[in-house]
PDB file of N, CA and C in Angstrom:
ATOM      1  N   MET A   1       0.818  -1.194   0.000  1.00  0.00           N
ATOM      2  CA  MET A   1       0.000   0.000   0.000  1.00  0.00           C
ATOM      3  C   MET A   1       0.861   1.257   0.000  1.00  0.00           C
ATOM      4  N   MET A   2       1.986   1.207   0.653  1.00  0.00           N
ATOM      5  CA  MET A   2       2.808   2.396   0.757  1.00  0.00           C
ATOM      6  C   MET A   2       3.436   2.774  -0.586  1.00  0.00           C
ATOM      7  N   PHE A   3       3.663   1.789  -1.447  1.00  0.00           N
ATOM      8  CA  PHE A   3       4.302   2.053  -2.732  1.00  0.00           C
ATOM      9  C   PHE A   3       3.334   1.948  -3.904  1.00  0.00           C
ATOM     10  N   SER A   4       2.041   1.940  -3.621  1.00  0.00           N
ATOM     11  CA  SER A   4       1.057   1.801  -4.694  1.00  0.00           C
ATOM     12  C   SER A   4       0.977   3.090  -5.509  1.00  0.00           C
ATOM     13  N   THR A   5       0.625   2.944  -6.782  1.00  0.00           N
ATOM     14  CA  THR A   5       0.500   4.092  -7.672  1.00  0.00           C
ATOM     15  C   THR A   5      -0.843   4.105  -8.391  1.00  0.00           C
ATOM     16  N   GLY A   6      -1.715   3.173  -8.065  1.00  0.00           N
ATOM     17  CA  GLY A   6      -2.991   3.049  -8.765  1.00  0.00           C
ATOM     18  C   GLY A   6      -4.034   4.038  -8.280  1.00  0.00           C
ATOM     19  N   LEU A   7      -5.256   3.743  -8.634  1.00  0.00           N
ATOM     20  CA  LEU A   7      -6.388   4.585  -8.287  1.00  0.00           C
ATOM     21  C   LEU A   7      -6.576   4.647  -6.768  1.00  0.00           C
ATOM     22  N   GLY A   8      -6.657   5.832  -6.217  1.00  0.00           N
ATOM     23  CA  GLY A   8      -6.849   6.014  -4.782  1.00  0.00           C
ATOM     24  C   GLY A   8      -5.570   5.970  -3.970  1.00  0.00           C
ATOM     25  N   ALA A   9      -4.424   5.872  -4.637  1.00  0.00           N
ATOM     26  CA  ALA A   9      -3.155   5.769  -3.913  1.00  0.00           C
ATOM     27  C   ALA A   9      -2.841   7.028  -3.115  1.00  0.00           C
ATOM     28  N   GLU A  10      -3.298   8.181  -3.595  1.00  0.00           N
ATOM     29  CA  GLU A  10      -2.999   9.431  -2.886  1.00  0.00           C
ATOM     30  C   GLU A  10      -3.694   9.491  -1.535  1.00  0.00           C
ATOM     31  N   VAL A  11      -4.735   8.694  -1.346  1.00  0.00           N
ATOM     32  CA  VAL A  11      -5.412   8.639  -0.054  1.00  0.00           C
ATOM     33  C   VAL A  11      -4.834   7.530   0.812  1.00  0.00           C
ATOM     34  N   GLN A  12      -4.501   6.404   0.209  1.00  0.00           N
ATOM     35  CA  GLN A  12      -4.028   5.253   0.975  1.00  0.00           C
ATOM     36  C   GLN A  12      -2.573   5.379   1.413  1.00  0.00           C
ATOM     37  N   ARG A  13      -1.745   6.054   0.639  1.00  0.00           N
ATOM     38  CA  ARG A  13      -0.311   6.127   0.938  1.00  0.00           C
ATOM     39  C   ARG A  13      -0.014   6.782   2.290  1.00  0.00           C
ATOM     40  N   PRO A  14      -0.599   7.932   2.622  1.00  0.00           N
ATOM     41  CA  PRO A  14      -0.322   8.520   3.950  1.00  0.00           C
ATOM     42  C   PRO A  14      -0.779   7.626   5.102  1.00  0.00           C
ATOM     43  N   LEU A  15      -1.921   6.985   4.943  1.00  0.00           N
ATOM     44  CA  LEU A  15      -2.409   6.089   5.985  1.00  0.00           C
ATOM     45  C   LEU A  15      -1.469   4.899   6.160  1.00  0.00           C
ATOM     46  N   ALA A  16      -0.996   4.343   5.052  1.00  0.00           N
ATOM     47  CA  ALA A  16      -0.072   3.213   5.125  1.00  0.00           C
ATOM     48  C   ALA A  16       1.239   3.630   5.792  1.00  0.00           C
ATOM     49  N   THR A  17       1.686   4.839   5.513  1.00  0.00           N
ATOM     50  CA  THR A  17       2.924   5.330   6.133  1.00  0.00           C
ATOM     51  C   THR A  17       2.765   5.435   7.645  1.00  0.00           C
ATOM     52  N   VAL A  18       1.644   5.937   8.098  1.00  0.00           N
ATOM     53  CA  VAL A  18       1.395   6.070   9.535  1.00  0.00           C
ATOM     54  C   VAL A  18       1.295   4.697  10.195  1.00  0.00           C
ATOM     55  N   VAL A  19       0.620   3.759   9.541  1.00  0.00           N
ATOM     56  CA  VAL A  19       0.467   2.416  10.109  1.00  0.00           C
ATOM     57  C   VAL A  19       1.818   1.719  10.206  1.00  0.00           C
ATOM     58  N   ILE A  20       2.616   1.783   9.155  1.00  0.00           N
ATOM     59  CA  ILE A  20       3.940   1.140   9.167  1.00  0.00           C
ATOM     60  C   ILE A  20       4.843   1.799  10.210  1.00  0.00           C
ATOM     61  N   GLY A  21       4.796   3.123  10.321  1.00  0.00           N
ATOM     62  CA  GLY A  21       5.579   3.824  11.353  1.00  0.00           C
ATOM     63  C   GLY A  21       5.152   3.420  12.755  1.00  0.00           C
ATOM     64  N   GLY A  22       3.855   3.246  12.958  1.00  0.00           N
ATOM     65  CA  GLY A  22       3.363   2.815  14.263  1.00  0.00           C
ATOM     66  C   GLY A  22       3.813   1.416  14.621  1.00  0.00           C
ATOM     67  N   VAL A  23       3.812   0.529  13.633  1.00  0.00           N
ATOM     68  CA  VAL A  23       4.264  -0.846  13.883  1.00  0.00           C
ATOM     69  C   VAL A  23       5.739  -0.856  14.251  1.00  0.00           C
ATOM     70  N   PHE A  24       6.557  -0.112  13.514  1.00  0.00           N
ATOM     71  CA  PHE A  24       7.989  -0.066  13.821  1.00  0.00           C
ATOM     72  C   PHE A  24       8.267   0.565  15.189  1.00  0.00           C
ATOM     73  N   SER A  25       7.592   1.682  15.474  1.00  0.00           N
ATOM     74  CA  SER A  25       7.868   2.352  16.745  1.00  0.00           C
ATOM     75  C   SER A  25       7.376   1.535  17.935  1.00  0.00           C
ATOM     76  N   SER A  26       6.232   0.872  17.812  1.00  0.00           N
ATOM     77  CA  SER A  26       5.753   0.059  18.927  1.00  0.00           C
ATOM     78  C   SER A  26       6.643  -1.160  19.140  1.00  0.00           C
ATOM     79  N   THR A  27       7.148  -1.734  18.057  1.00  0.00           N
ATOM     80  CA  THR A  27       8.083  -2.856  18.188  1.00  0.00           C
ATOM     81  C   THR A  27       9.361  -2.409  18.873  1.00  0.00           C
ATOM     82  N   LEU A  28       9.890  -1.265  18.468  1.00  0.00           N
ATOM     83  CA  LEU A  28      11.108  -0.738  19.077  1.00  0.00           C
ATOM     84  C   LEU A  28      10.899  -0.464  20.564  1.00  0.00           C
ATOM     85  N   LEU A  29       9.769   0.154  20.896  1.00  0.00           N
ATOM     86  CA  LEU A  29       9.495   0.447  22.299  1.00  0.00           C
ATOM     87  C   LEU A  29       9.341  -0.825  23.128  1.00  0.00           C
ATOM     88  N   THR A  30       8.645  -1.807  22.576  1.00  0.00           N
ATOM     89  CA  THR A  30       8.372  -3.027  23.328  1.00  0.00           C
ATOM     90  C   THR A  30       9.619  -3.878  23.518  1.00  0.00           C
ATOM     91  N   LEU A  31      10.453  -3.982  22.511  1.00  0.00           N
ATOM     92  CA  LEU A  31      11.589  -4.899  22.573  1.00  0.00           C
ATOM     93  C   LEU A  31      12.866  -4.277  23.117  1.00  0.00           C
ATOM     94  N   ILE A  32      12.995  -2.949  23.057  1.00  0.00           N
ATOM     95  CA  ILE A  32      14.258  -2.332  23.469  1.00  0.00           C
ATOM     96  C   ILE A  32      14.066  -1.351  24.620  1.00  0.00           C
ATOM     97  N   VAL A  33      13.184  -0.383  24.459  1.00  0.00           N
ATOM     98  CA  VAL A  33      13.070   0.697  25.441  1.00  0.00           C
ATOM     99  C   VAL A  33      12.459   0.207  26.745  1.00  0.00           C
ATOM    100  N   LEU A  34      11.367  -0.516  26.681  1.00  0.00           N
ATOM    101  CA  LEU A  34      10.691  -0.972  27.897  1.00  0.00           C
ATOM    102  C   LEU A  34      11.567  -1.880  28.765  1.00  0.00           C
ATOM    103  N   PRO A  35      12.280  -2.862  28.208  1.00  0.00           N
ATOM    104  CA  PRO A  35      13.182  -3.650  29.063  1.00  0.00           C
ATOM    105  C   PRO A  35      14.289  -2.808  29.695  1.00  0.00           C
ATOM    106  N   LEU A  36      14.783  -1.806  28.980  1.00  0.00           N
ATOM    107  CA  LEU A  36      15.808  -0.941  29.561  1.00  0.00           C
ATOM    108  C   LEU A  36      15.260  -0.133  30.730  1.00  0.00           C
ATOM    109  N   VAL A  37      14.040   0.332  30.606  1.00  0.00           N
ATOM    110  CA  VAL A  37      13.408   1.069  31.703  1.00  0.00           C
ATOM    111  C   VAL A  37      13.226   0.162  32.915  1.00  0.00           C
ATOM    112  N   TYR A  38      12.781  -1.071  32.680  1.00  0.00           N
ATOM    113  CA  TYR A  38      12.645  -2.026  33.780  1.00  0.00           C
ATOM    114  C   TYR A  38      13.985  -2.270  34.469  1.00  0.00           C
ATOM    115  N   LEU A  39      15.045  -2.424  33.696  1.00  0.00           N
ATOM    116  CA  LEU A  39      16.364  -2.654  34.288  1.00  0.00           C
ATOM    117  C   LEU A  39      16.829  -1.452  35.103  1.00  0.00           C
ATOM    118  N   MET A  40      16.555  -0.245  34.615  1.00  0.00           N
ATOM    119  CA  MET A  40      16.950   0.947  35.361  1.00  0.00           C
ATOM    120  C   MET A  40      16.228   1.025  36.696  1.00  0.00           C
ATOM    121  N   PHE A  41      14.915   0.750  36.704  1.00  0.00           N
ATOM    122  CA  PHE A  41      14.169   0.794  37.956  1.00  0.00           C
ATOM    123  C   PHE A  41      14.561  -0.345  38.884  1.00  0.00           C
ATOM    124  N   GLU A  42      14.880  -1.496  38.332  1.00  0.00           N
ATOM    125  CA  GLU A  42      15.298  -2.622  39.162  1.00  0.00           C
ATOM    126  C   GLU A  42      16.633  -2.327  39.834  1.00  0.00           C
ATOM    127  N   LYS A  43      17.541  -1.714  39.080  1.00  0.00           N
ATOM    128  CA  LYS A  43      18.849  -1.379  39.636  1.00  0.00           C
ATOM    129  C   LYS A  43      18.722  -0.341  40.745  1.00  0.00           C
ATOM    130  N   SER A  44      17.908   0.684  40.544  1.00  0.00           N
ATOM    131  CA  SER A  44      17.746   1.706  41.574  1.00  0.00           C
ATOM    132  C   SER A  44      17.036   1.140  42.797  1.00  0.00           C
ATOM    133  N   SER A  45      16.109   0.219  42.585  1.00  0.00           N
ATOM    134  CA  SER A  45      15.418  -0.412  43.698  1.00  0.00           C
ATOM    135  C   SER A  45      16.371  -1.293  44.497  1.00  0.00           C
ATOM    136  N   ALA A  46      17.246  -2.012  43.811  1.00  0.00           N
ATOM    137  CA  ALA A  46      18.211  -2.869  44.489  1.00  0.00           C
ATOM    138  C   ALA A  46      19.203  -2.037  45.293  1.00  0.00           C
ATOM    139  N   GLU A  47      19.598  -0.873  44.764  1.00  0.00           N
ATOM    140  CA  GLU A  47      20.518  -0.001  45.501  1.00  0.00           C
ATOM    141  C   GLU A  47      19.860   0.562  46.753  1.00  0.00           C
ATOM    142  N   GLU A  48      18.583   0.902  46.659  1.00  0.00           N
ATOM    143  CA  GLU A  48      17.876   1.412  47.829  1.00  0.00           C
ATOM    144  C   GLU A  48      17.747   0.339  48.901  1.00  0.00           C
ATOM    145  N   LYS A  49      17.473  -0.891  48.507  1.00  0.00           N
ATOM    146  CA  LYS A  49      17.368  -1.971  49.458  1.00  0.00           C
ATOM    147  C   LYS A  49      18.707  -2.255  50.128  1.00  0.00           C
ATOM    148  N   ALA A  50      19.799  -2.143  49.361  1.00  0.00           N
ATOM    149  CA  ALA A  50      21.131  -2.364  49.921  1.00  0.00           C
ATOM    150  C   ALA A  50      21.457  -1.282  50.937  1.00  0.00           C
ATOM    151  N   ASP A  51      21.058  -0.052  50.678  1.00  0.00           N
ATOM    152  CA  ASP A  51      21.310   1.033  51.614  1.00  0.00           C
ATOM    153  C   ASP A  51      20.537   0.855  52.905  1.00  0.00           C
ATOM    154  N   ILE A  52      19.335   0.336  52.802  1.00  0.00           N
ATOM    155  CA  ILE A  52      18.489   0.148  53.980  1.00  0.00           C
ATOM    156  C   ILE A  52      19.017  -0.972  54.853  1.00  0.00           C
ATOM    157  N   GLU A  53      19.531  -2.048  54.242  1.00  0.00           N
ATOM    158  CA  GLU A  53      19.986  -3.225  54.999  1.00  0.00           C
ATOM    159  C   GLU A  53      21.283  -2.962  55.735  1.00  0.00           C
ATOM    160  N   ILE A  54      22.068  -2.013  55.297  1.00  0.00           N
ATOM    161  CA  ILE A  54      23.373  -1.755  55.935  1.00  0.00           C
ATOM    162  C   ILE A  54      23.252  -0.958  57.170  1.00  0.00           C
TER     163      ILE A  54
END
């Protein structure tokens, strides 16, 4: 759909671009950014617990 040139392509092309961009960005967020955020919070939580136990 993104590379179509036929009838109605001028309407479908922008929508296809947005859909493909959304799929890529959600995949990137789910597989890379979200696990990194979890690791950052886990590390800070572990440091706080270590400070409390000492």
